[in-house]
Amino acid sequence: MGNNNNIIENLDSKYHGYLEDEGKWLNDGFKNIFIDGEPSKANLKTSVYLMLPQEIREYVDQLLLND
C-alpha cells in the first residue's frame, strides 16, 4: 500500500505544472485516474487515462510495470 501512495505522490509531484494548468479537470490529482485511488493496472480508469498526454501515460505505464 505504501508503494501505491508513492506512485500517486510521484505523479502529482512530477507533473505538478500539468495539474495546475491543463490537468485541473483531475481535481484531486492523479489518484483520480485509478478506481478508489488505488494505483494498479487493474484499477486504471481507461477513459480517464486516455485523456492524459502521451508522455504522462508512458510514465504511468512505467510506474505500474515496476509495481
PDB file of N, CA and C in Angstrom:
ATOM      1  N   MET A   1       0.824  -1.198   0.000  1.00  0.00           N
ATOM      2  CA  MET A   1       0.000   0.000   0.000  1.00  0.00           C
ATOM      3  C   MET A   1       0.864   1.255   0.000  1.00  0.00           C
ATOM      4  N   GLY A   2       1.948   1.250   0.760  1.00  0.00           N
ATOM      5  CA  GLY A   2       2.830   2.396   0.799  1.00  0.00           C
ATOM      6  C   GLY A   2       3.373   2.726  -0.571  1.00  0.00           C
ATOM      7  N   ASN A   3       3.738   1.698  -1.328  1.00  0.00           N
ATOM      8  CA  ASN A   3       4.258   1.903  -2.676  1.00  0.00           C
ATOM      9  C   ASN A   3       3.191   2.528  -3.567  1.00  0.00           C
ATOM     10  N   ASN A   4       1.935   2.143  -3.375  1.00  0.00           N
ATOM     11  CA  ASN A   4       0.847   2.710  -4.164  1.00  0.00           C
ATOM     12  C   ASN A   4       0.721   4.214  -3.934  1.00  0.00           C
ATOM     13  N   ASN A   5       0.824   4.629  -2.677  1.00  0.00           N
ATOM     14  CA  ASN A   5       0.756   6.053  -2.383  1.00  0.00           C
ATOM     15  C   ASN A   5       1.942   6.779  -2.992  1.00  0.00           C
ATOM     16  N   ASN A   6       3.094   6.131  -3.038  1.00  0.00           N
ATOM     17  CA  ASN A   6       4.267   6.733  -3.651  1.00  0.00           C
ATOM     18  C   ASN A   6       4.041   6.968  -5.140  1.00  0.00           C
ATOM     19  N   ILE A   7       3.336   6.074  -5.796  1.00  0.00           N
ATOM     20  CA  ILE A   7       3.050   6.230  -7.224  1.00  0.00           C
ATOM     21  C   ILE A   7       2.248   7.513  -7.450  1.00  0.00           C
ATOM     22  N   ILE A   8       1.213   7.712  -6.675  1.00  0.00           N
ATOM     23  CA  ILE A   8       0.379   8.908  -6.821  1.00  0.00           C
ATOM     24  C   ILE A   8       1.174  10.160  -6.460  1.00  0.00           C
ATOM     25  N   GLU A   9       1.914  10.108  -5.365  1.00  0.00           N
ATOM     26  CA  GLU A   9       2.730  11.255  -4.958  1.00  0.00           C
ATOM     27  C   GLU A   9       3.771  11.581  -6.027  1.00  0.00           C
ATOM     28  N   ASN A  10       4.362  10.550  -6.599  1.00  0.00           N
ATOM     29  CA  ASN A  10       5.365  10.735  -7.642  1.00  0.00           C
ATOM     30  C   ASN A  10       4.746  11.433  -8.855  1.00  0.00           C
ATOM     31  N   LEU A  11       3.596  10.969  -9.292  1.00  0.00           N
ATOM     32  CA  LEU A  11       2.912  11.582 -10.431  1.00  0.00           C
ATOM     33  C   LEU A  11       2.506  13.026 -10.123  1.00  0.00           C
ATOM     34  N   ASP A  12       1.923  13.243  -8.941  1.00  0.00           N
ATOM     35  CA  ASP A  12       1.498  14.592  -8.563  1.00  0.00           C
ATOM     36  C   ASP A  12       2.680  15.552  -8.507  1.00  0.00           C
ATOM     37  N   SER A  13       3.799  15.068  -8.019  1.00  0.00           N
ATOM     38  CA  SER A  13       4.996  15.912  -7.908  1.00  0.00           C
ATOM     39  C   SER A  13       5.617  16.187  -9.272  1.00  0.00           C
ATOM     40  N   LYS A  14       5.826  15.125 -10.046  1.00  0.00           N
ATOM     41  CA  LYS A  14       6.496  15.257 -11.347  1.00  0.00           C
ATOM     42  C   LYS A  14       5.681  16.116 -12.319  1.00  0.00           C
ATOM     43  N   TYR A  15       4.370  15.970 -12.279  1.00  0.00           N
ATOM     44  CA  TYR A  15       3.506  16.672 -13.227  1.00  0.00           C
ATOM     45  C   TYR A  15       2.652  17.746 -12.535  1.00  0.00           C
ATOM     46  N   HIS A  16       3.226  18.366 -11.515  1.00  0.00           N
ATOM     47  CA  HIS A  16       2.544  19.430 -10.770  1.00  0.00           C
ATOM     48  C   HIS A  16       2.102  20.562 -11.710  1.00  0.00           C
ATOM     49  N   GLY A  17       2.975  20.949 -12.627  1.00  0.00           N
ATOM     50  CA  GLY A  17       2.650  22.002 -13.584  1.00  0.00           C
ATOM     51  C   GLY A  17       1.465  21.630 -14.451  1.00  0.00           C
ATOM     52  N   TYR A  18       1.413  20.377 -14.881  1.00  0.00           N
ATOM     53  CA  TYR A  18       0.286  19.906 -15.693  1.00  0.00           C
ATOM     54  C   TYR A  18      -1.010  20.002 -14.892  1.00  0.00           C
ATOM     55  N   LEU A  19      -0.966  19.572 -13.627  1.00  0.00           N
ATOM     56  CA  LEU A  19      -2.163  19.603 -12.794  1.00  0.00           C
ATOM     57  C   LEU A  19      -2.666  21.028 -12.579  1.00  0.00           C
ATOM     58  N   GLU A  20      -1.754  21.980 -12.474  1.00  0.00           N
ATOM     59  CA  GLU A  20      -2.161  23.372 -12.252  1.00  0.00           C
ATOM     60  C   GLU A  20      -2.704  24.036 -13.513  1.00  0.00           C
ATOM     61  N   ASP A  21      -2.248  23.581 -14.669  1.00  0.00           N
ATOM     62  CA  ASP A  21      -2.663  24.209 -15.922  1.00  0.00           C
ATOM     63  C   ASP A  21      -3.745  23.382 -16.620  1.00  0.00           C
ATOM     64  N   GLU A  22      -3.310  22.453 -17.447  1.00  0.00           N
ATOM     65  CA  GLU A  22      -4.248  21.673 -18.268  1.00  0.00           C
ATOM     66  C   GLU A  22      -4.965  20.573 -17.497  1.00  0.00           C
ATOM     67  N   GLY A  23      -4.402  20.142 -16.383  1.00  0.00           N
ATOM     68  CA  GLY A  23      -4.960  18.994 -15.663  1.00  0.00           C
ATOM     69  C   GLY A  23      -5.890  19.336 -14.528  1.00  0.00           C
ATOM     70  N   LYS A  24      -6.421  20.551 -14.524  1.00  0.00           N
ATOM     71  CA  LYS A  24      -7.340  20.942 -13.446  1.00  0.00           C
ATOM     72  C   LYS A  24      -8.552  20.022 -13.378  1.00  0.00           C
ATOM     73  N   TRP A  25      -8.894  19.411 -14.488  1.00  0.00           N
ATOM     74  CA  TRP A  25     -10.044  18.504 -14.544  1.00  0.00           C
ATOM     75  C   TRP A  25      -9.831  17.260 -13.681  1.00  0.00           C
ATOM     76  N   LEU A  26      -8.581  17.002 -13.258  1.00  0.00           N
ATOM     77  CA  LEU A  26      -8.315  15.848 -12.396  1.00  0.00           C
ATOM     78  C   LEU A  26      -8.649  16.134 -10.930  1.00  0.00           C
ATOM     79  N   ASN A  27      -8.992  17.370 -10.612  1.00  0.00           N
ATOM     80  CA  ASN A  27      -9.395  17.798  -9.265  1.00  0.00           C
ATOM     81  C   ASN A  27      -8.401  17.412  -8.178  1.00  0.00           C
ATOM     82  N   ASP A  28      -8.430  16.194  -7.696  1.00  0.00           N
ATOM     83  CA  ASP A  28      -7.580  15.757  -6.579  1.00  0.00           C
ATOM     84  C   ASP A  28      -6.255  15.167  -7.036  1.00  0.00           C
ATOM     85  N   GLY A  29      -5.854  15.424  -8.243  1.00  0.00           N
ATOM     86  CA  GLY A  29      -4.582  14.901  -8.731  1.00  0.00           C
ATOM     87  C   GLY A  29      -4.736  13.541  -9.389  1.00  0.00           C
ATOM     88  N   PHE A  30      -3.615  12.848  -9.474  1.00  0.00           N
ATOM     89  CA  PHE A  30      -3.575  11.617 -10.257  1.00  0.00           C
ATOM     90  C   PHE A  30      -4.256  10.423  -9.597  1.00  0.00           C
ATOM     91  N   LYS A  31      -4.673  10.568  -8.355  1.00  0.00           N
ATOM     92  CA  LYS A  31      -5.415   9.445  -7.760  1.00  0.00           C
ATOM     93  C   LYS A  31      -6.735   9.245  -8.491  1.00  0.00           C
ATOM     94  N   ASN A  32      -7.183  10.270  -9.208  1.00  0.00           N
ATOM     95  CA  ASN A  32      -8.448  10.178  -9.957  1.00  0.00           C
ATOM     96  C   ASN A  32      -8.358   9.310 -11.206  1.00  0.00           C
ATOM     97  N   ILE A  33      -7.165   8.883 -11.591  1.00  0.00           N
ATOM     98  CA  ILE A  33      -7.084   8.004 -12.762  1.00  0.00           C
ATOM     99  C   ILE A  33      -7.200   6.541 -12.363  1.00  0.00           C
ATOM    100  N   PHE A  34      -7.361   6.304 -11.043  1.00  0.00           N
ATOM    101  CA  PHE A  34      -7.482   4.936 -10.536  1.00  0.00           C
ATOM    102  C   PHE A  34      -8.786   4.764  -9.773  1.00  0.00           C
ATOM    103  N   ILE A  35      -9.374   3.596  -9.862  1.00  0.00           N
ATOM    104  CA  ILE A  35     -10.571   3.260  -9.096  1.00  0.00           C
ATOM    105  C   ILE A  35     -10.208   3.296  -7.618  1.00  0.00           C
ATOM    106  N   ASP A  36     -10.991   3.989  -6.831  1.00  0.00           N
ATOM    107  CA  ASP A  36     -10.786   4.163  -5.390  1.00  0.00           C
ATOM    108  C   ASP A  36      -9.403   4.707  -5.052  1.00  0.00           C
ATOM    109  N   GLY A  37      -8.727   5.343  -6.003  1.00  0.00           N
ATOM    110  CA  GLY A  37      -7.414   5.918  -5.749  1.00  0.00           C
ATOM    111  C   GLY A  37      -6.331   4.898  -5.470  1.00  0.00           C
ATOM    112  N   GLU A  38      -6.574   3.640  -5.863  1.00  0.00           N
ATOM    113  CA  GLU A  38      -5.616   2.551  -5.629  1.00  0.00           C
ATOM    114  C   GLU A  38      -4.863   2.248  -6.913  1.00  0.00           C
ATOM    115  N   PRO A  39      -3.603   2.689  -7.011  1.00  0.00           N
ATOM    116  CA  PRO A  39      -2.835   2.514  -8.247  1.00  0.00           C
ATOM    117  C   PRO A  39      -2.490   1.057  -8.559  1.00  0.00           C
ATOM    118  N   SER A  40      -2.990   0.597  -9.660  1.00  0.00           N
ATOM    119  CA  SER A  40      -2.632  -0.713 -10.215  1.00  0.00           C
ATOM    120  C   SER A  40      -3.189  -0.754 -11.636  1.00  0.00           C
ATOM    121  N   LYS A  41      -2.644  -1.652 -12.450  1.00  0.00           N
ATOM    122  CA  LYS A  41      -3.146  -1.804 -13.827  1.00  0.00           C
ATOM    123  C   LYS A  41      -4.631  -2.143 -13.816  1.00  0.00           C
ATOM    124  N   ALA A  42      -5.021  -3.015 -12.885  1.00  0.00           N
ATOM    125  CA  ALA A  42      -6.414  -3.459 -12.820  1.00  0.00           C
ATOM    126  C   ALA A  42      -7.362  -2.324 -12.437  1.00  0.00           C
ATOM    127  N   ASN A  43      -6.880  -1.348 -11.670  1.00  0.00           N
ATOM    128  CA  ASN A  43      -7.721  -0.245 -11.203  1.00  0.00           C
ATOM    129  C   ASN A  43      -7.641   0.998 -12.080  1.00  0.00           C
ATOM    130  N   LEU A  44      -6.924   0.925 -13.166  1.00  0.00           N
ATOM    131  CA  LEU A  44      -6.757   2.084 -14.041  1.00  0.00           C
ATOM    132  C   LEU A  44      -8.078   2.410 -14.741  1.00  0.00           C
ATOM    133  N   LYS A  45      -8.518   3.651 -14.616  1.00  0.00           N
ATOM    134  CA  LYS A  45      -9.718   4.112 -15.320  1.00  0.00           C
ATOM    135  C   LYS A  45      -9.290   4.447 -16.749  1.00  0.00           C
ATOM    136  N   THR A  46      -9.523   3.536 -17.656  1.00  0.00           N
ATOM    137  CA  THR A  46      -9.023   3.656 -19.028  1.00  0.00           C
ATOM    138  C   THR A  46      -9.482   4.939 -19.702  1.00  0.00           C
ATOM    139  N   SER A  47     -10.743   5.307 -19.548  1.00  0.00           N
ATOM    140  CA  SER A  47     -11.250   6.507 -20.223  1.00  0.00           C
ATOM    141  C   SER A  47     -10.547   7.773 -19.729  1.00  0.00           C
ATOM    142  N   VAL A  48     -10.244   7.835 -18.440  1.00  0.00           N
ATOM    143  CA  VAL A  48      -9.540   8.992 -17.885  1.00  0.00           C
ATOM    144  C   VAL A  48      -8.073   8.951 -18.295  1.00  0.00           C
ATOM    145  N   TYR A  49      -7.467   7.780 -18.196  1.00  0.00           N
ATOM    146  CA  TYR A  49      -6.060   7.580 -18.575  1.00  0.00           C
ATOM    147  C   TYR A  49      -5.810   8.028 -20.015  1.00  0.00           C
ATOM    148  N   LEU A  50      -6.730   7.704 -20.909  1.00  0.00           N
ATOM    149  CA  LEU A  50      -6.551   8.048 -22.321  1.00  0.00           C
ATOM    150  C   LEU A  50      -6.667   9.543 -22.598  1.00  0.00           C
ATOM    151  N   MET A  51      -7.193  10.303 -21.663  1.00  0.00           N
ATOM    152  CA  MET A  51      -7.276  11.753 -21.830  1.00  0.00           C
ATOM    153  C   MET A  51      -5.962  12.450 -21.451  1.00  0.00           C
ATOM    154  N   LEU A  52      -5.056  11.715 -20.838  1.00  0.00           N
ATOM    155  CA  LEU A  52      -3.765  12.285 -20.442  1.00  0.00           C
ATOM    156  C   LEU A  52      -2.843  12.399 -21.652  1.00  0.00           C
ATOM    157  N   PRO A  53      -1.898  13.332 -21.617  1.00  0.00           N
ATOM    158  CA  PRO A  53      -0.908  13.411 -22.689  1.00  0.00           C
ATOM    159  C   PRO A  53      -0.073  12.128 -22.750  1.00  0.00           C
ATOM    160  N   GLN A  54       0.412  11.808 -23.931  1.00  0.00           N
ATOM    161  CA  GLN A  54       1.155  10.569 -24.141  1.00  0.00           C
ATOM    162  C   GLN A  54       2.340  10.433 -23.184  1.00  0.00           C
ATOM    163  N   GLU A  55       3.064  11.512 -22.950  1.00  0.00           N
ATOM    164  CA  GLU A  55       4.225  11.466 -22.053  1.00  0.00           C
ATOM    165  C   GLU A  55       3.826  10.987 -20.655  1.00  0.00           C
ATOM    166  N   ILE A  56       2.719  11.488 -20.159  1.00  0.00           N
ATOM    167  CA  ILE A  56       2.257  11.091 -18.826  1.00  0.00           C
ATOM    168  C   ILE A  56       1.773   9.652 -18.841  1.00  0.00           C
ATOM    169  N   ARG A  57       1.061   9.252 -19.889  1.00  0.00           N
ATOM    170  CA  ARG A  57       0.597   7.853 -19.985  1.00  0.00           C
ATOM    171  C   ARG A  57       1.782   6.889 -19.976  1.00  0.00           C
ATOM    172  N   GLU A  58       2.834   7.238 -20.694  1.00  0.00           N
ATOM    173  CA  GLU A  58       4.019   6.374 -20.724  1.00  0.00           C
ATOM    174  C   GLU A  58       4.661   6.278 -19.350  1.00  0.00           C
ATOM    175  N   TYR A  59       4.690   7.384 -18.620  1.00  0.00           N
ATOM    176  CA  TYR A  59       5.270   7.376 -17.275  1.00  0.00           C
ATOM    177  C   TYR A  59       4.406   6.552 -16.317  1.00  0.00           C
ATOM    178  N   VAL A  60       3.090   6.676 -16.434  1.00  0.00           N
ATOM    179  CA  VAL A  60       2.174   5.863 -15.617  1.00  0.00           C
ATOM    180  C   VAL A  60       2.433   4.388 -15.899  1.00  0.00           C
ATOM    181  N   ASP A  61       2.572   4.039 -17.170  1.00  0.00           N
ATOM    182  CA  ASP A  61       2.842   2.650 -17.546  1.00  0.00           C
ATOM    183  C   ASP A  61       4.119   2.153 -16.891  1.00  0.00           C
ATOM    184  N   GLN A  62       5.181   2.971 -16.894  1.00  0.00           N
ATOM    185  CA  GLN A  62       6.447   2.584 -16.274  1.00  0.00           C
ATOM    186  C   GLN A  62       6.278   2.355 -14.788  1.00  0.00           C
ATOM    187  N   LEU A  63       5.571   3.259 -14.117  1.00  0.00           N
ATOM    188  CA  LEU A  63       5.379   3.114 -12.672  1.00  0.00           C
ATOM    189  C   LEU A  63       4.581   1.857 -12.334  1.00  0.00           C
ATOM    190  N   LEU A  64       3.562   1.573 -13.135  1.00  0.00           N
ATOM    191  CA  LEU A  64       2.734   0.398 -12.851  1.00  0.00           C
ATOM    192  C   LEU A  64       3.460  -0.888 -13.202  1.00  0.00           C
ATOM    193  N   LEU A  65       4.365  -0.837 -14.155  1.00  0.00           N
ATOM    194  CA  LEU A  65       5.158  -2.004 -14.519  1.00  0.00           C
ATOM    195  C   LEU A  65       6.069  -2.401 -13.369  1.00  0.00           C
ATOM    196  N   ASN A  66       6.597  -1.403 -12.666  1.00  0.00           N
ATOM    197  CA  ASN A  66       7.502  -1.656 -11.549  1.00  0.00           C
ATOM    198  C   ASN A  66       6.756  -2.024 -10.281  1.00  0.00           C
ATOM    199  N   ASP A  67       5.443  -1.877 -10.281  1.00  0.00           N
ATOM    200  CA  ASP A  67       4.634  -2.130  -9.076  1.00  0.00           C
ATOM    201  C   ASP A  67       4.442  -3.614  -8.843  1.00  0.00           C
TER     202      ASP A  67
END
